[in-house]
Amino acid sequence: QVQLVESGGGLVQAGGSLRLSCAASARSYNRDYMGWFRQAPGKEREFVAVIGWSTSSTYYADSVKGRFTISRDNARNTVYLQMNSLKPEDTTVYYCADKRNSYAANYYQINEYLYWGQGDQVTVPS
């Protein structure tokens, strides 16, 4: 069982920045990607970004491309989501997730992820 612990959320004014962190209790050689998703009340959870531990390959949702940057620190088993130019529509709960396999295919699909963090609230007032 892997535990994922998110931190760094909070309230920030529109145009501001936040950095989310996700610390994993363990990694596995056959699970090589970590992703970020978000879910607003009454809406489906949606893909935000994903990164490979060994390849550093990254993929982003169109809605955050150019504003958000995902990165990782392998030594700390930690993935980050740097969020710049935040907008009110970015307000929601953000989740990190551990992909169940070692390849990037279907990285945007929720069922591709085995372990999930508890979620971290980000609020950008309008």
N, C-alpha and C. Protein backbone atom coordinates (compact mmCIF):
# COMPACT_ATOMS: atom_id res chain seq x y z
N GLN A 1 0.84 -1.18 0.00
CA GLN A 1 0.00 0.00 0.00
C GLN A 1 0.88 1.24 0.00
N VAL A 2 0.61 2.14 -0.92
CA VAL A 2 1.35 3.39 -1.02
C VAL A 2 0.49 4.52 -0.49
N GLN A 3 1.08 5.35 0.31
CA GLN A 3 0.38 6.55 0.79
C GLN A 3 0.91 7.78 0.07
N LEU A 4 0.00 8.61 -0.36
CA LEU A 4 0.34 9.86 -1.04
C LEU A 4 -0.19 11.00 -0.18
N VAL A 5 0.69 11.93 0.16
CA VAL A 5 0.30 13.04 1.02
C VAL A 5 0.53 14.35 0.28
N GLU A 6 -0.56 15.08 0.05
CA GLU A 6 -0.47 16.36 -0.65
C GLU A 6 -0.35 17.49 0.35
N SER A 7 0.25 18.57 -0.10
CA SER A 7 0.33 19.79 0.70
C SER A 7 0.55 20.97 -0.23
N GLY A 8 0.36 22.17 0.33
CA GLY A 8 0.65 23.38 -0.42
C GLY A 8 -0.56 24.14 -0.93
N GLY A 9 -1.74 23.57 -0.76
CA GLY A 9 -2.93 24.27 -1.21
C GLY A 9 -3.26 25.46 -0.33
N GLY A 10 -4.26 26.22 -0.74
CA GLY A 10 -4.67 27.38 0.04
C GLY A 10 -5.45 28.36 -0.80
N LEU A 11 -5.49 29.59 -0.31
CA LEU A 11 -6.21 30.65 -0.98
C LEU A 11 -5.22 31.62 -1.60
N VAL A 12 -5.44 31.96 -2.85
CA VAL A 12 -4.55 32.89 -3.54
C VAL A 12 -5.39 33.75 -4.48
N GLN A 13 -4.98 34.99 -4.64
CA GLN A 13 -5.71 35.90 -5.53
C GLN A 13 -5.47 35.52 -6.99
N ALA A 14 -6.43 35.88 -7.82
CA ALA A 14 -6.31 35.63 -9.25
C ALA A 14 -5.00 36.22 -9.78
N GLY A 15 -4.32 35.43 -10.60
CA GLY A 15 -3.03 35.85 -11.12
C GLY A 15 -1.86 35.40 -10.28
N GLY A 16 -2.15 34.89 -9.10
CA GLY A 16 -1.10 34.45 -8.19
C GLY A 16 -0.64 33.04 -8.47
N SER A 17 0.22 32.54 -7.56
CA SER A 17 0.84 31.22 -7.75
C SER A 17 0.76 30.40 -6.48
N LEU A 18 0.72 29.09 -6.67
CA LEU A 18 0.83 28.12 -5.58
C LEU A 18 1.64 26.94 -6.08
N ARG A 19 2.30 26.25 -5.15
CA ARG A 19 2.97 25.02 -5.50
C ARG A 19 2.46 23.88 -4.62
N LEU A 20 1.88 22.89 -5.26
CA LEU A 20 1.42 21.70 -4.55
C LEU A 20 2.54 20.67 -4.52
N SER A 21 2.60 19.93 -3.42
CA SER A 21 3.55 18.84 -3.29
C SER A 21 2.80 17.54 -3.02
N CYS A 22 3.37 16.45 -3.48
CA CYS A 22 2.80 15.13 -3.23
C CYS A 22 3.95 14.19 -2.88
N ALA A 23 3.99 13.77 -1.63
CA ALA A 23 5.04 12.88 -1.16
C ALA A 23 4.52 11.45 -1.13
N ALA A 24 5.24 10.56 -1.79
CA ALA A 24 4.85 9.15 -1.84
C ALA A 24 5.64 8.36 -0.80
N SER A 25 4.95 7.46 -0.11
CA SER A 25 5.61 6.65 0.92
C SER A 25 6.54 5.61 0.31
N ALA A 26 6.30 5.26 -0.95
CA ALA A 26 7.12 4.26 -1.62
C ALA A 26 6.92 4.39 -3.12
N ARG A 27 7.87 3.84 -3.85
CA ARG A 27 7.75 3.75 -5.29
C ARG A 27 7.97 2.31 -5.70
N SER A 28 7.55 2.01 -6.92
CA SER A 28 7.72 0.66 -7.44
C SER A 28 8.31 0.74 -8.85
N TYR A 29 9.16 -0.21 -9.17
CA TYR A 29 9.79 -0.20 -10.49
C TYR A 29 8.77 -0.37 -11.61
N ASN A 30 7.61 -0.97 -11.30
CA ASN A 30 6.61 -1.20 -12.34
C ASN A 30 5.47 -0.19 -12.32
N ARG A 31 5.64 0.89 -11.55
CA ARG A 31 4.70 2.02 -11.61
C ARG A 31 5.54 3.27 -11.75
N ASP A 32 5.52 3.88 -12.92
CA ASP A 32 6.52 4.90 -13.22
C ASP A 32 5.97 6.30 -13.47
N TYR A 33 4.68 6.49 -13.25
CA TYR A 33 4.12 7.81 -13.52
C TYR A 33 3.27 8.30 -12.35
N MET A 34 3.38 9.59 -12.11
CA MET A 34 2.57 10.25 -11.08
C MET A 34 1.79 11.36 -11.74
N GLY A 35 0.51 11.46 -11.38
CA GLY A 35 -0.34 12.47 -12.00
C GLY A 35 -1.03 13.35 -10.99
N TRP A 36 -1.54 14.45 -11.50
CA TRP A 36 -2.40 15.36 -10.73
C TRP A 36 -3.75 15.42 -11.42
N PHE A 37 -4.79 15.34 -10.63
CA PHE A 37 -6.16 15.50 -11.09
C PHE A 37 -6.83 16.56 -10.22
N ARG A 38 -8.00 17.01 -10.65
CA ARG A 38 -8.78 17.92 -9.82
C ARG A 38 -10.25 17.63 -10.00
N GLN A 39 -11.00 17.97 -8.96
CA GLN A 39 -12.43 17.69 -8.99
C GLN A 39 -13.20 18.77 -8.26
N ALA A 40 -14.08 19.42 -8.99
CA ALA A 40 -14.96 20.44 -8.40
C ALA A 40 -16.24 19.76 -7.94
N PRO A 41 -16.94 20.36 -6.98
CA PRO A 41 -18.20 19.77 -6.49
C PRO A 41 -19.19 19.55 -7.62
N GLY A 42 -19.73 18.34 -7.70
CA GLY A 42 -20.73 18.04 -8.70
C GLY A 42 -20.18 17.76 -10.09
N LYS A 43 -18.86 17.74 -10.19
CA LYS A 43 -18.24 17.48 -11.50
C LYS A 43 -17.37 16.25 -11.43
N GLU A 44 -17.03 15.71 -12.60
CA GLU A 44 -16.15 14.56 -12.65
C GLU A 44 -14.70 14.99 -12.39
N ARG A 45 -13.95 14.04 -11.85
CA ARG A 45 -12.53 14.30 -11.65
C ARG A 45 -11.86 14.40 -13.02
N GLU A 46 -11.00 15.41 -13.17
CA GLU A 46 -10.38 15.63 -14.47
C GLU A 46 -8.86 15.64 -14.36
N PHE A 47 -8.24 15.19 -15.43
CA PHE A 47 -6.78 15.14 -15.51
C PHE A 47 -6.20 16.55 -15.59
N VAL A 48 -5.05 16.74 -14.91
CA VAL A 48 -4.35 18.02 -14.95
C VAL A 48 -2.97 17.86 -15.58
N ALA A 49 -2.15 16.95 -15.02
CA ALA A 49 -0.78 16.77 -15.51
C ALA A 49 -0.24 15.43 -15.02
N VAL A 50 0.80 14.95 -15.71
CA VAL A 50 1.43 13.70 -15.31
C VAL A 50 2.92 13.77 -15.66
N ILE A 51 3.73 13.05 -14.88
CA ILE A 51 5.17 13.03 -15.12
C ILE A 51 5.71 11.62 -14.87
N GLY A 52 6.74 11.26 -15.63
CA GLY A 52 7.38 9.98 -15.43
C GLY A 52 8.55 10.12 -14.47
N TRP A 53 8.66 9.17 -13.55
CA TRP A 53 9.77 9.21 -12.60
C TRP A 53 11.10 9.04 -13.31
N SER A 54 11.18 8.12 -14.24
CA SER A 54 12.46 7.82 -14.86
C SER A 54 12.69 8.59 -16.15
N THR A 55 11.64 8.93 -16.86
CA THR A 55 11.80 9.60 -18.15
C THR A 55 11.65 11.11 -18.08
N SER A 56 10.97 11.58 -17.02
CA SER A 56 10.59 13.00 -16.91
C SER A 56 9.65 13.44 -18.01
N SER A 57 9.07 12.51 -18.72
CA SER A 57 8.06 12.89 -19.72
C SER A 57 6.88 13.55 -19.01
N THR A 58 6.36 14.60 -19.62
CA THR A 58 5.23 15.31 -19.02
C THR A 58 4.11 15.49 -20.03
N TYR A 59 2.89 15.49 -19.50
CA TYR A 59 1.72 15.75 -20.32
C TYR A 59 0.78 16.63 -19.50
N TYR A 60 0.08 17.52 -20.20
CA TYR A 60 -0.78 18.48 -19.51
C TYR A 60 -2.16 18.53 -20.17
N ALA A 61 -3.15 18.87 -19.36
CA ALA A 61 -4.45 19.21 -19.90
C ALA A 61 -4.35 20.55 -20.61
N ASP A 62 -5.13 20.72 -21.65
CA ASP A 62 -5.09 21.99 -22.40
C ASP A 62 -5.42 23.18 -21.52
N SER A 63 -6.27 22.97 -20.53
CA SER A 63 -6.72 24.08 -19.69
C SER A 63 -5.62 24.65 -18.80
N VAL A 64 -4.54 23.90 -18.59
CA VAL A 64 -3.48 24.37 -17.71
C VAL A 64 -2.15 24.53 -18.43
N LYS A 65 -2.09 24.11 -19.68
CA LYS A 65 -0.84 24.18 -20.43
C LYS A 65 -0.34 25.62 -20.51
N GLY A 66 0.95 25.79 -20.20
CA GLY A 66 1.53 27.11 -20.20
C GLY A 66 1.43 27.85 -18.87
N ARG A 67 0.58 27.35 -17.97
CA ARG A 67 0.43 27.98 -16.65
C ARG A 67 0.92 27.07 -15.53
N PHE A 68 0.72 25.77 -15.67
CA PHE A 68 1.12 24.81 -14.64
C PHE A 68 2.34 24.04 -15.11
N THR A 69 3.20 23.68 -14.16
CA THR A 69 4.38 22.88 -14.46
C THR A 69 4.48 21.76 -13.44
N ILE A 70 4.59 20.53 -13.93
CA ILE A 70 4.78 19.38 -13.05
C ILE A 70 6.25 19.01 -13.04
N SER A 71 6.76 18.65 -11.86
CA SER A 71 8.15 18.25 -11.73
C SER A 71 8.25 17.19 -10.64
N ARG A 72 9.45 16.58 -10.52
CA ARG A 72 9.60 15.56 -9.49
C ARG A 72 11.00 15.59 -8.92
N ASP A 73 11.07 15.10 -7.67
CA ASP A 73 12.34 14.94 -6.97
C ASP A 73 12.42 13.47 -6.60
N ASN A 74 13.17 12.72 -7.38
CA ASN A 74 13.22 11.26 -7.17
C ASN A 74 13.79 10.91 -5.80
N ALA A 75 14.74 11.67 -5.33
CA ALA A 75 15.36 11.36 -4.04
C ALA A 75 14.37 11.49 -2.89
N ARG A 76 13.39 12.38 -3.06
CA ARG A 76 12.39 12.61 -2.02
C ARG A 76 11.07 11.91 -2.32
N ASN A 77 10.99 11.19 -3.43
CA ASN A 77 9.73 10.55 -3.83
C ASN A 77 8.59 11.57 -3.84
N THR A 78 8.88 12.74 -4.35
CA THR A 78 7.91 13.84 -4.29
C THR A 78 7.69 14.43 -5.68
N VAL A 79 6.44 14.68 -5.96
CA VAL A 79 6.05 15.33 -7.21
C VAL A 79 5.44 16.68 -6.87
N TYR A 80 5.70 17.66 -7.71
CA TYR A 80 5.23 19.02 -7.49
C TYR A 80 4.33 19.48 -8.64
N LEU A 81 3.45 20.40 -8.31
CA LEU A 81 2.66 21.05 -9.35
C LEU A 81 2.74 22.55 -9.09
N GLN A 82 3.54 23.21 -9.89
CA GLN A 82 3.67 24.67 -9.81
C GLN A 82 2.54 25.29 -10.62
N MET A 83 1.72 26.09 -9.96
CA MET A 83 0.56 26.67 -10.62
C MET A 83 0.71 28.19 -10.65
N ASN A 84 0.84 28.73 -11.84
CA ASN A 84 0.99 30.17 -12.02
C ASN A 84 -0.24 30.74 -12.74
N SER A 85 -0.37 32.04 -12.68
CA SER A 85 -1.48 32.73 -13.36
C SER A 85 -2.81 32.07 -13.02
N LEU A 86 -3.02 31.84 -11.74
CA LEU A 86 -4.23 31.12 -11.33
C LEU A 86 -5.49 31.92 -11.61
N LYS A 87 -6.53 31.18 -11.94
CA LYS A 87 -7.82 31.78 -12.29
C LYS A 87 -8.90 31.25 -11.34
N PRO A 88 -9.99 31.97 -11.20
CA PRO A 88 -11.08 31.46 -10.35
C PRO A 88 -11.54 30.06 -10.76
N GLU A 89 -11.51 29.76 -12.03
CA GLU A 89 -11.95 28.43 -12.49
C GLU A 89 -10.98 27.31 -12.10
N ASP A 90 -9.82 27.66 -11.55
CA ASP A 90 -8.89 26.65 -11.02
C ASP A 90 -9.26 26.24 -9.60
N THR A 91 -10.25 26.91 -9.04
CA THR A 91 -10.69 26.61 -7.68
C THR A 91 -11.31 25.22 -7.62
N THR A 92 -10.71 24.34 -6.84
CA THR A 92 -11.21 23.00 -6.67
C THR A 92 -10.27 22.21 -5.77
N VAL A 93 -10.57 20.92 -5.57
CA VAL A 93 -9.67 20.05 -4.82
C VAL A 93 -8.75 19.33 -5.80
N TYR A 94 -7.47 19.34 -5.49
CA TYR A 94 -6.46 18.72 -6.33
C TYR A 94 -5.97 17.42 -5.67
N TYR A 95 -5.83 16.39 -6.50
CA TYR A 95 -5.41 15.07 -6.03
C TYR A 95 -4.18 14.62 -6.80
N CYS A 96 -3.22 14.03 -6.09
CA CYS A 96 -2.15 13.34 -6.80
C CYS A 96 -2.48 11.86 -6.83
N ALA A 97 -1.90 11.18 -7.82
CA ALA A 97 -2.24 9.78 -8.02
C ALA A 97 -1.06 9.03 -8.63
N ASP A 98 -0.95 7.77 -8.25
CA ASP A 98 0.14 6.89 -8.67
C ASP A 98 -0.38 5.95 -9.76
N LYS A 99 0.16 6.09 -10.97
CA LYS A 99 -0.33 5.28 -12.10
C LYS A 99 0.03 3.81 -11.88
N ARG A 100 -0.86 2.94 -12.30
CA ARG A 100 -0.74 1.52 -11.97
C ARG A 100 0.26 0.78 -12.83
N ASN A 101 0.89 1.43 -13.80
CA ASN A 101 1.84 0.72 -14.66
C ASN A 101 3.00 1.63 -15.02
N SER A 102 3.89 1.14 -15.87
CA SER A 102 5.13 1.85 -16.14
C SER A 102 5.15 2.57 -17.49
N TYR A 103 3.97 2.70 -18.12
CA TYR A 103 3.96 3.41 -19.39
C TYR A 103 2.90 4.51 -19.35
N ALA A 104 3.05 5.45 -20.28
CA ALA A 104 2.26 6.67 -20.23
C ALA A 104 0.88 6.55 -20.88
N ALA A 105 0.62 5.46 -21.58
CA ALA A 105 -0.64 5.34 -22.32
C ALA A 105 -1.84 5.59 -21.40
N ASN A 106 -2.83 6.28 -21.94
CA ASN A 106 -4.07 6.56 -21.22
C ASN A 106 -3.83 7.30 -19.92
N TYR A 107 -2.84 8.16 -19.90
CA TYR A 107 -2.46 8.89 -18.68
C TYR A 107 -3.59 9.78 -18.16
N TYR A 108 -4.55 10.12 -19.01
CA TYR A 108 -5.62 11.04 -18.63
C TYR A 108 -6.81 10.32 -18.00
N GLN A 109 -6.79 9.00 -17.97
CA GLN A 109 -7.92 8.23 -17.48
C GLN A 109 -7.78 7.90 -16.00
N ILE A 110 -8.84 8.16 -15.26
CA ILE A 110 -8.81 7.96 -13.81
C ILE A 110 -8.51 6.52 -13.45
N ASN A 111 -9.07 5.57 -14.17
CA ASN A 111 -8.89 4.17 -13.81
C ASN A 111 -7.49 3.64 -14.09
N GLU A 112 -6.62 4.48 -14.64
CA GLU A 112 -5.23 4.09 -14.84
C GLU A 112 -4.40 4.27 -13.57
N TYR A 113 -5.00 4.84 -12.54
CA TYR A 113 -4.26 5.18 -11.33
C TYR A 113 -4.69 4.31 -10.16
N LEU A 114 -3.70 3.82 -9.43
CA LEU A 114 -3.95 2.85 -8.39
C LEU A 114 -4.11 3.48 -7.01
N TYR A 115 -3.25 4.43 -6.70
CA TYR A 115 -3.28 5.06 -5.38
C TYR A 115 -3.55 6.55 -5.53
N TRP A 116 -4.29 7.08 -4.55
CA TRP A 116 -4.69 8.48 -4.59
C TRP A 116 -4.39 9.17 -3.25
N GLY A 117 -4.05 10.44 -3.34
CA GLY A 117 -3.91 11.23 -2.13
C GLY A 117 -5.26 11.67 -1.60
N GLN A 118 -5.24 12.38 -0.50
CA GLN A 118 -6.48 12.76 0.17
C GLN A 118 -7.10 14.02 -0.42
N GLY A 119 -6.35 14.73 -1.23
CA GLY A 119 -6.86 15.94 -1.84
C GLY A 119 -6.43 17.19 -1.10
N ASP A 120 -6.27 18.26 -1.83
CA ASP A 120 -5.82 19.54 -1.28
C ASP A 120 -6.62 20.65 -1.95
N GLN A 121 -7.21 21.51 -1.15
CA GLN A 121 -8.08 22.56 -1.69
C GLN A 121 -7.26 23.75 -2.18
N VAL A 122 -7.60 24.19 -3.36
CA VAL A 122 -7.05 25.42 -3.92
C VAL A 122 -8.22 26.36 -4.20
N THR A 123 -8.13 27.58 -3.70
CA THR A 123 -9.21 28.54 -3.86
C THR A 123 -8.67 29.83 -4.46
N VAL A 124 -9.27 30.24 -5.56
CA VAL A 124 -8.91 31.48 -6.23
C VAL A 124 -10.18 32.32 -6.34
N PRO A 125 -10.38 33.28 -5.46
CA PRO A 125 -11.62 34.06 -5.46
C PRO A 125 -11.77 34.87 -6.73
N SER A 126 -13.01 35.03 -7.14
CA SER A 126 -13.27 35.84 -8.34
C SER A 126 -13.48 37.30 -7.97
